[in-house]
Amino acid sequence: MKLHKLHLLLLAALLALPAARVCAAPLEADAASAGELFDGEGRYTGTAAAAGSSAEGKARLLEALKTRLVIHDRGVPAEGERLNALLSRVLDTPTGRQLAVEFLQEGARAEISFDIIPDTQVLEINGKKTFWTSGGHAHTTMKPPQVHLNEAYLQAKPEDAPITLAHELFGHTLERKRAERYGVQDSYIFHQNEEANAGLVGWTVGAELGEKIDNGWAWIYMANPEDYHKRLKTNLAYYAGTLSTEEMKDPLPVYQERLAGTDALLLRLPVKKEQNEIWLRIIDHLVKLHKLVEETFKSLVEEIKGIIASIPGSEARLGEIRAYLKQLIEKCAGSSGQAWVASLKRESENEYFRERERVMDERAKALGTMMLGKTWESEQPPPRAGQVTWPQLKQLWKDEQASNCGWKP
């Protein structure tokens, strides 16, 4: 795909940052001996314990991993350098090194690149650039699988890029290879743990890198996995089609219920837009008529405008979810879908799914230890000084309604 002009301008500045290069350099040096870690038939013989945390051990593991990867720079060499630096950063973590070894032992492969993720808007909120769409995706059925990172990482949230890379490469792509070994490659992608597992991989890598655990999905999952699964199914079409082990035994009524829920969410979007537009009018009123300082509402205005700007994308995604659920319902109800439903039911009993749950429980326990003493709020960046908060704005509006002003938004 063609690169945006803004992307090209910002890329050079981003890559000038020393952090990415510092992370990459020690891991890529002295890696010529990586070939010693493969036997005569190309099987990987190293271990994460052998690699350890030394620069030399990580360099050997990185070089071995790169024998299974193709990095595409889309004609911009600096993008390739950035992707190599991100791989190095992932291997700074115990989880990254362990999964790199498992990736090699499974004989997995992948191609990695930056890409355009539809509906992405880079926003500036609280003085920092961010974006709210997906950080990336993996096309695991392709030969080899394709891992795409959102090119917005070249402008915003660079600290999250290695987390997303671990999520896509070791959470999704590696699992495809494992599923093939268990013979469930056609059904595992319909299990809700396929995404939750990748989430745990990324969150754990991020925590081990010392990054703030500021992803709301991580806190939702750790508080209540069922709530996480329920919410995620309204986020993307693929997630809407995923099922619990029990639901795999009879998916039709599940999909019918979700279709009705999606229709209800679509009806709520115009209300959401109107409510946020009202808040903007309230702020404008407080500033112009009651002479409150406009600058103190800056963060709230940025957030509200970002929400409004995201609504068309939300509408498009819910439309895609609706269309996908209708396809699945037709598939389940059709004569040709009976065999598919039967295979889902049969393969739901496969050992693969029990093994995944065991590994995920262990990873969640480890992540929970790293989250002790923290909350989602404590992991957020500090707000601008002197900014009006949501509770304060709501109290201001409550006081306004109780006054004799008589103004209506």
Protein backbone atom coordinates (compact mmCIF):
# COMPACT_ATOMS: atom_id res chain seq x y z
CA MET A 1 0.00 0.00 0.00
CA LYS A 2 1.09 3.58 -0.59
CA LEU A 3 2.57 5.52 2.32
CA HIS A 4 1.04 8.78 3.48
CA LYS A 5 3.28 11.85 3.12
CA LEU A 6 2.83 12.59 6.81
CA HIS A 7 3.95 9.07 7.61
CA LEU A 8 7.19 9.57 5.69
CA LEU A 9 7.91 12.87 7.40
CA LEU A 10 7.33 11.53 10.90
CA LEU A 11 9.13 8.26 10.33
CA ALA A 12 12.57 9.82 10.13
CA ALA A 13 12.01 11.71 13.35
CA LEU A 14 10.77 8.64 15.19
CA LEU A 15 13.66 6.49 14.14
CA ALA A 16 16.08 9.12 15.34
CA LEU A 17 15.00 8.35 18.89
CA PRO A 18 17.81 6.50 20.65
CA ALA A 19 15.62 4.01 22.54
CA ALA A 20 14.84 1.78 19.58
CA ARG A 21 18.44 1.64 18.42
CA VAL A 22 19.80 1.05 21.90
CA CYS A 23 17.45 -1.91 22.35
CA ALA A 24 18.39 -3.44 19.03
CA ALA A 25 22.14 -3.07 19.00
CA PRO A 26 23.22 -5.40 21.84
CA LEU A 27 20.88 -8.16 20.68
CA GLU A 28 21.96 -8.15 17.05
CA ALA A 29 25.69 -8.11 17.72
CA ASP A 30 27.77 -11.27 17.60
CA ALA A 31 24.93 -13.50 16.38
CA ALA A 32 26.85 -15.40 13.73
CA SER A 33 26.96 -18.53 15.86
CA ALA A 34 23.16 -18.90 15.90
CA GLY A 35 23.39 -21.70 13.34
CA GLU A 36 24.89 -23.93 16.02
CA LEU A 37 21.46 -24.04 17.68
CA PHE A 38 19.97 -26.13 14.84
CA ASP A 39 20.56 -29.82 14.23
CA GLY A 40 21.29 -31.38 10.85
CA GLU A 41 17.59 -31.44 9.92
CA GLY A 42 16.91 -27.81 10.86
CA ARG A 43 15.33 -28.50 14.25
CA TYR A 44 16.02 -25.91 16.93
CA THR A 45 18.00 -27.30 19.86
CA GLY A 46 18.37 -24.24 22.08
CA THR A 47 16.33 -23.33 25.16
CA ALA A 48 15.20 -20.12 26.81
CA ALA A 49 17.18 -21.07 29.89
CA ALA A 50 20.33 -21.47 27.80
CA ALA A 51 19.75 -18.09 26.19
CA GLY A 52 19.28 -16.53 29.59
CA SER A 53 19.29 -12.76 29.86
CA SER A 54 22.82 -12.17 28.61
CA ALA A 55 23.35 -10.02 25.53
CA GLU A 56 25.14 -12.87 23.79
CA GLY A 57 22.43 -15.42 24.56
CA LYS A 58 19.67 -13.10 23.40
CA ALA A 59 21.61 -12.26 20.25
CA ARG A 60 21.89 -15.93 19.33
CA LEU A 61 18.20 -16.49 19.97
CA LEU A 62 17.24 -13.42 17.96
CA GLU A 63 19.33 -14.50 15.01
CA ALA A 64 17.81 -17.98 15.15
CA LEU A 65 14.30 -16.49 15.30
CA LYS A 66 15.00 -14.33 12.26
CA THR A 67 15.71 -17.46 10.19
CA ARG A 68 11.95 -18.12 10.46
CA LEU A 69 10.85 -14.57 9.71
CA VAL A 70 10.70 -12.27 6.69
CA ILE A 71 10.65 -8.57 7.53
CA HIS A 72 9.08 -6.31 4.88
CA ASP A 73 10.02 -2.65 4.95
CA ARG A 74 7.56 -1.59 2.21
CA GLY A 75 10.41 0.09 0.37
CA VAL A 76 11.41 2.18 3.39
CA PRO A 77 14.57 0.66 4.97
CA ALA A 78 13.96 2.57 8.19
CA GLU A 79 10.76 0.53 8.73
CA GLY A 80 12.78 -2.67 8.56
CA GLU A 81 15.19 -1.28 11.13
CA ARG A 82 12.30 -0.39 13.37
CA LEU A 83 10.77 -3.87 13.12
CA ASN A 84 14.14 -5.47 13.92
CA ALA A 85 14.41 -3.21 16.96
CA LEU A 86 10.94 -4.28 18.11
CA LEU A 87 11.86 -7.96 17.83
CA SER A 88 14.92 -7.26 19.94
CA ARG A 89 12.80 -5.47 22.49
CA VAL A 90 10.41 -8.42 22.81
CA LEU A 91 13.36 -10.70 23.54
CA ASP A 92 14.34 -8.48 26.45
CA THR A 93 11.62 -10.32 28.39
CA PRO A 94 11.57 -13.87 29.84
CA THR A 95 8.17 -14.53 28.23
CA GLY A 96 9.40 -13.25 24.85
CA ARG A 97 12.46 -15.50 24.96
CA GLN A 98 10.46 -18.56 26.04
CA LEU A 99 7.91 -18.09 23.26
CA ALA A 100 10.64 -17.41 20.71
CA VAL A 101 12.08 -20.81 21.57
CA GLU A 102 8.65 -22.43 21.26
CA PHE A 103 8.12 -20.65 17.92
CA LEU A 104 11.34 -22.20 16.65
CA GLN A 105 10.62 -25.64 18.09
CA GLU A 106 7.20 -25.68 16.42
CA GLY A 107 8.81 -24.78 13.09
CA ALA A 108 6.56 -21.73 12.79
CA ARG A 109 7.13 -18.98 10.24
CA ALA A 110 5.82 -15.47 9.62
CA GLU A 111 6.21 -12.31 7.58
CA ILE A 112 6.13 -8.99 9.45
CA SER A 113 5.42 -5.46 8.26
CA PHE A 114 3.75 -2.20 9.17
CA ASP A 115 0.40 -1.66 7.49
CA ILE A 116 -2.57 0.68 7.28
CA ILE A 117 -5.33 -0.27 9.73
CA PRO A 118 -8.69 1.14 8.52
CA ASP A 119 -10.38 3.92 10.50
CA THR A 120 -7.20 4.76 12.42
CA GLN A 121 -6.98 8.37 13.53
CA VAL A 122 -3.96 9.69 15.41
CA LEU A 123 -5.35 11.94 18.15
CA GLU A 124 -3.66 14.23 20.63
CA ILE A 125 -5.16 13.88 24.09
CA ASN A 126 -3.69 15.21 27.31
CA GLY A 127 -0.65 16.42 25.36
CA LYS A 128 0.20 12.99 23.96
CA LYS A 129 -0.43 11.38 20.57
CA THR A 130 -2.53 8.22 20.62
CA PHE A 131 -4.91 6.12 18.54
CA TRP A 132 -7.83 3.93 19.53
CA THR A 133 -8.06 1.38 16.73
CA SER A 134 -6.36 -2.02 16.60
CA GLY A 135 -2.60 -2.10 17.03
CA GLY A 136 -2.25 -4.86 14.48
CA HIS A 137 -3.51 -8.16 13.16
CA ALA A 138 -2.27 -11.55 12.05
CA HIS A 139 -3.46 -13.46 8.98
CA THR A 140 -2.64 -16.92 10.29
CA THR A 141 -4.16 -18.94 7.42
CA MET A 142 -1.78 -17.46 4.87
CA LYS A 143 1.38 -19.32 3.87
CA PRO A 144 3.39 -18.07 5.66
CA PRO A 145 1.24 -16.17 8.15
CA GLN A 146 1.28 -12.37 7.86
CA VAL A 147 1.76 -10.12 10.90
CA HIS A 148 0.83 -6.47 10.36
CA LEU A 149 1.46 -3.71 12.90
CA ASN A 150 -0.52 -0.49 12.68
CA GLU A 151 1.68 2.09 10.98
CA ALA A 152 0.28 4.61 13.48
CA TYR A 153 2.92 3.24 15.87
CA LEU A 154 5.41 5.24 13.81
CA GLN A 155 3.68 8.38 15.08
CA ALA A 156 2.11 7.45 18.40
CA LYS A 157 2.37 5.02 21.34
CA PRO A 158 5.75 3.51 20.34
CA GLU A 159 5.98 1.87 23.78
CA ASP A 160 3.02 -0.35 22.87
CA ALA A 161 4.49 -1.62 19.60
CA PRO A 162 6.56 -4.49 21.09
CA ILE A 163 3.52 -5.55 23.12
CA THR A 164 1.44 -5.79 19.95
CA LEU A 165 4.21 -7.61 18.10
CA ALA A 166 4.39 -10.24 20.86
CA HIS A 167 0.58 -10.49 20.82
CA GLU A 168 0.40 -11.11 17.07
CA LEU A 169 3.55 -13.17 16.54
CA PHE A 170 3.61 -15.33 19.67
CA GLY A 171 -0.04 -15.08 20.68
CA HIS A 172 -1.69 -15.73 17.30
CA THR A 173 0.83 -17.02 14.77
CA LEU A 174 2.49 -19.50 17.11
CA GLU A 175 -0.93 -20.79 18.20
CA ARG A 176 -1.87 -21.53 14.60
CA LYS A 177 1.12 -23.84 14.36
CA ARG A 178 0.26 -25.54 17.64
CA ALA A 179 -3.35 -25.99 16.54
CA GLU A 180 -2.16 -27.68 13.36
CA ARG A 181 -0.16 -30.15 15.44
CA TYR A 182 -3.30 -30.99 17.44
CA GLY A 183 -5.42 -31.18 14.28
CA VAL A 184 -7.80 -28.38 15.30
CA GLN A 185 -6.61 -25.64 12.93
CA ASP A 186 -10.12 -25.22 11.50
CA SER A 187 -11.87 -24.87 14.86
CA TYR A 188 -9.42 -23.21 17.26
CA ILE A 189 -9.99 -19.79 15.65
CA PHE A 190 -13.64 -20.01 16.74
CA HIS A 191 -12.65 -20.43 20.39
CA GLN A 192 -12.75 -17.27 22.48
CA ASN A 193 -9.45 -18.12 24.16
CA GLU A 194 -7.61 -17.63 20.88
CA GLU A 195 -7.72 -13.86 21.43
CA ALA A 196 -7.53 -13.98 25.23
CA ASN A 197 -4.34 -16.05 25.03
CA ALA A 198 -2.74 -13.50 22.70
CA GLY A 199 -3.88 -10.74 25.04
CA LEU A 200 -2.18 -12.39 28.00
CA VAL A 201 1.03 -12.83 26.00
CA GLY A 202 1.17 -9.15 25.07
CA TRP A 203 0.18 -7.82 28.50
CA THR A 204 2.77 -10.03 30.18
CA VAL A 205 5.54 -8.96 27.80
CA GLY A 206 4.63 -5.33 28.40
CA ALA A 207 4.69 -5.77 32.19
CA GLU A 208 8.05 -7.53 31.99
CA LEU A 209 9.40 -4.62 29.94
CA GLY A 210 8.42 -2.34 32.79
CA GLU A 211 5.72 -0.57 30.81
CA LYS A 212 2.59 0.71 32.48
CA ILE A 213 -0.21 -1.86 32.46
CA ASP A 214 -2.59 0.72 31.04
CA ASN A 215 -4.54 -1.47 28.61
CA GLY A 216 -8.13 -1.53 29.81
CA TRP A 217 -8.69 -5.01 28.35
CA ALA A 218 -5.99 -6.41 30.65
CA TRP A 219 -7.75 -5.10 33.75
CA ILE A 220 -11.15 -6.29 32.52
CA TYR A 221 -9.81 -9.79 31.85
CA MET A 222 -7.98 -10.10 35.15
CA ALA A 223 -11.06 -8.91 37.05
CA ASN A 224 -13.52 -11.17 35.21
CA PRO A 225 -12.61 -13.21 32.10
CA GLU A 226 -16.28 -13.74 31.22
CA ASP A 227 -16.91 -10.00 31.21
CA TYR A 228 -13.85 -9.60 28.97
CA HIS A 229 -15.17 -12.14 26.45
CA LYS A 230 -18.62 -10.54 26.43
CA ARG A 231 -17.28 -7.05 25.78
CA LEU A 232 -14.74 -8.16 23.19
CA LYS A 233 -17.45 -9.73 21.03
CA THR A 234 -18.80 -6.24 20.25
CA ASN A 235 -15.36 -4.98 19.19
CA LEU A 236 -14.62 -6.76 15.90
CA ALA A 237 -16.44 -9.16 13.59
CA TYR A 238 -13.96 -11.97 14.19
CA TYR A 239 -14.41 -11.78 17.97
CA ALA A 240 -18.19 -11.81 17.56
CA GLY A 241 -17.93 -15.26 16.02
CA THR A 242 -15.83 -16.80 18.78
CA LEU A 243 -17.30 -19.24 21.28
CA SER A 244 -16.64 -20.80 24.65
CA THR A 245 -15.96 -24.53 24.74
CA GLU A 246 -19.58 -25.12 25.76
CA GLU A 247 -20.95 -22.80 23.05
CA MET A 248 -18.98 -24.68 20.38
CA LYS A 249 -21.38 -27.58 20.95
CA ASP A 250 -24.42 -25.55 19.78
CA PRO A 251 -23.44 -22.20 18.21
CA LEU A 252 -26.67 -21.26 16.37
CA PRO A 253 -28.68 -19.81 19.30
CA VAL A 254 -25.54 -18.04 20.51
CA TYR A 255 -25.11 -16.24 17.18
CA GLN A 256 -28.81 -15.35 17.03
CA GLU A 257 -28.65 -13.71 20.45
CA ARG A 258 -25.52 -11.77 19.50
CA LEU A 259 -27.16 -10.47 16.33
CA ALA A 260 -30.00 -8.99 18.38
CA GLY A 261 -27.47 -7.42 20.75
CA THR A 262 -25.55 -5.88 17.83
CA ASP A 263 -28.74 -4.31 16.46
CA ALA A 264 -29.33 -2.74 19.87
CA LEU A 265 -25.81 -1.30 19.97
CA LEU A 266 -26.22 0.23 16.52
CA LEU A 267 -29.36 2.01 17.70
CA ARG A 268 -27.44 3.49 20.63
CA LEU A 269 -24.72 5.14 18.54
CA PRO A 270 -26.74 8.25 17.54
CA VAL A 271 -27.60 8.68 21.23
CA LYS A 272 -23.92 8.43 22.17
CA LYS A 273 -23.04 11.06 19.58
CA GLU A 274 -25.78 13.41 20.76
CA GLN A 275 -24.81 13.03 24.43
CA ASN A 276 -21.20 13.95 23.74
CA GLU A 277 -22.22 16.90 21.55
CA ILE A 278 -24.34 18.12 24.47
CA TRP A 279 -21.30 18.01 26.76
CA LEU A 280 -19.40 20.18 24.27
CA ARG A 281 -22.25 22.70 24.31
CA ILE A 282 -22.31 22.66 28.11
CA ILE A 283 -18.58 23.38 28.26
CA ASP A 284 -18.98 26.17 25.71
CA HIS A 285 -21.78 27.66 27.81
CA LEU A 286 -19.73 27.50 31.03
CA VAL A 287 -16.83 29.26 29.32
CA LYS A 288 -18.74 31.96 27.44
CA LEU A 289 -21.54 32.83 29.86
CA HIS A 290 -20.05 31.91 33.23
CA LYS A 291 -16.50 32.98 32.34
CA LEU A 292 -14.81 29.73 33.38
CA VAL A 293 -11.27 29.40 32.00
CA GLU A 294 -11.41 27.70 28.60
CA GLU A 295 -7.93 26.18 28.96
CA THR A 296 -9.05 24.12 31.99
CA PHE A 297 -11.45 22.15 29.76
CA LYS A 298 -8.82 21.31 27.12
CA SER A 299 -8.33 17.64 28.05
CA LEU A 300 -12.08 17.00 28.30
CA VAL A 301 -12.74 18.68 24.96
CA GLU A 302 -10.02 16.61 23.29
CA GLU A 303 -11.46 13.40 24.74
CA ILE A 304 -15.05 14.23 23.81
CA LYS A 305 -14.12 15.22 20.26
CA GLY A 306 -12.13 11.98 19.96
CA ILE A 307 -15.19 9.96 21.01
CA ILE A 308 -17.38 11.74 18.47
CA ALA A 309 -14.78 11.23 15.73
CA SER A 310 -14.65 7.49 16.52
CA ILE A 311 -18.40 6.90 16.14
CA PRO A 312 -18.40 6.42 12.32
CA GLY A 313 -15.72 3.76 12.74
CA SER A 314 -17.74 2.10 15.50
CA GLU A 315 -20.79 2.09 13.26
CA ALA A 316 -18.80 0.49 10.44
CA ARG A 317 -17.41 -2.20 12.76
CA LEU A 318 -20.84 -3.01 14.19
CA GLY A 319 -22.14 -3.25 10.63
CA GLU A 320 -19.38 -5.73 9.84
CA ILE A 321 -20.22 -7.69 12.99
CA ARG A 322 -23.88 -7.79 12.00
CA ALA A 323 -23.10 -9.04 8.49
CA TYR A 324 -20.67 -11.67 9.81
CA LEU A 325 -23.15 -12.98 12.39
CA LYS A 326 -25.81 -13.29 9.70
CA GLN A 327 -23.38 -15.32 7.60
CA LEU A 328 -22.64 -17.62 10.53
CA ILE A 329 -26.35 -18.06 11.28
CA GLU A 330 -27.02 -18.99 7.67
CA LYS A 331 -24.06 -21.36 7.76
CA CYS A 332 -25.28 -23.10 10.92
CA ALA A 333 -28.84 -23.38 9.65
CA GLY A 334 -27.94 -24.57 6.16
CA SER A 335 -27.52 -28.20 5.22
CA SER A 336 -23.84 -27.71 4.39
CA GLY A 337 -23.28 -26.18 7.81
CA GLN A 338 -24.36 -29.27 9.70
CA ALA A 339 -20.98 -30.90 9.14
CA TRP A 340 -19.22 -27.74 10.36
CA VAL A 341 -21.35 -27.56 13.51
CA ALA A 342 -20.67 -31.25 14.13
CA SER A 343 -16.91 -30.69 13.78
CA LEU A 344 -17.01 -27.79 16.24
CA LYS A 345 -18.80 -29.97 18.75
CA ARG A 346 -16.41 -32.86 18.23
CA GLU A 347 -13.21 -30.78 18.37
CA SER A 348 -14.34 -28.86 21.44
CA GLU A 349 -13.28 -32.00 23.33
CA ASN A 350 -9.73 -31.88 21.92
CA GLU A 351 -6.84 -31.78 24.39
CA TYR A 352 -5.56 -28.62 22.73
CA PHE A 353 -8.23 -26.46 24.38
CA ARG A 354 -7.62 -27.91 27.85
CA GLU A 355 -3.88 -27.35 27.42
CA ARG A 356 -4.45 -23.72 26.40
CA GLU A 357 -6.58 -23.08 29.48
CA ARG A 358 -3.86 -24.52 31.71
CA VAL A 359 -1.15 -22.33 30.16
CA MET A 360 -3.39 -19.26 30.27
CA ASP A 361 -4.17 -19.82 33.95
CA GLU A 362 -0.43 -19.93 34.68
CA ARG A 363 0.24 -16.79 32.67
CA ALA A 364 -2.67 -14.94 34.29
CA LYS A 365 -1.32 -15.86 37.72
CA ALA A 366 2.11 -14.47 36.82
CA LEU A 367 0.59 -11.30 35.38
CA GLY A 368 -1.58 -10.88 38.46
CA THR A 369 1.55 -10.87 40.60
CA MET A 370 2.97 -8.00 38.53
CA MET A 371 -0.32 -6.09 38.90
CA LEU A 372 -0.38 -6.25 42.70
CA GLY A 373 -0.67 -2.83 44.28
CA LYS A 374 -1.71 -1.24 40.99
CA THR A 375 -4.98 -0.19 39.43
CA TRP A 376 -5.98 0.85 35.94
CA GLU A 377 -6.20 4.44 37.19
CA SER A 378 -2.75 4.36 38.77
CA GLU A 379 -1.24 3.14 35.48
CA GLN A 380 -2.58 6.07 33.46
CA PRO A 381 -0.37 9.06 32.63
CA PRO A 382 -0.82 12.02 34.96
CA PRO A 383 -3.39 14.54 33.74
CA ARG A 384 -2.53 18.05 32.74
CA ALA A 385 -2.31 20.31 35.76
CA GLY A 386 -5.39 22.37 36.46
CA GLN A 387 -7.76 20.45 34.21
CA VAL A 388 -11.44 19.96 34.97
CA THR A 389 -12.24 16.27 35.46
CA TRP A 390 -15.39 14.40 34.44
CA PRO A 391 -16.78 14.34 38.02
CA GLN A 392 -16.12 18.07 38.32
CA LEU A 393 -17.81 18.80 34.98
CA LYS A 394 -20.88 16.79 36.00
CA GLN A 395 -21.05 18.69 39.30
CA LEU A 396 -20.74 22.01 37.44
CA TRP A 397 -23.66 21.01 35.22
CA LYS A 398 -25.67 19.87 38.24
CA ASP A 399 -25.08 23.25 39.90
CA GLU A 400 -26.02 24.98 36.64
CA GLN A 401 -29.34 23.16 36.50
CA ALA A 402 -30.07 24.11 40.11
CA SER A 403 -29.36 27.79 39.43
CA ASN A 404 -31.68 30.40 37.98
CA CYS A 405 -29.77 30.59 34.70
CA GLY A 406 -32.43 28.67 32.79
CA TRP A 407 -30.10 27.74 29.94
CA LYS A 408 -30.75 24.45 28.12
CA PRO A 409 -28.20 22.68 25.88
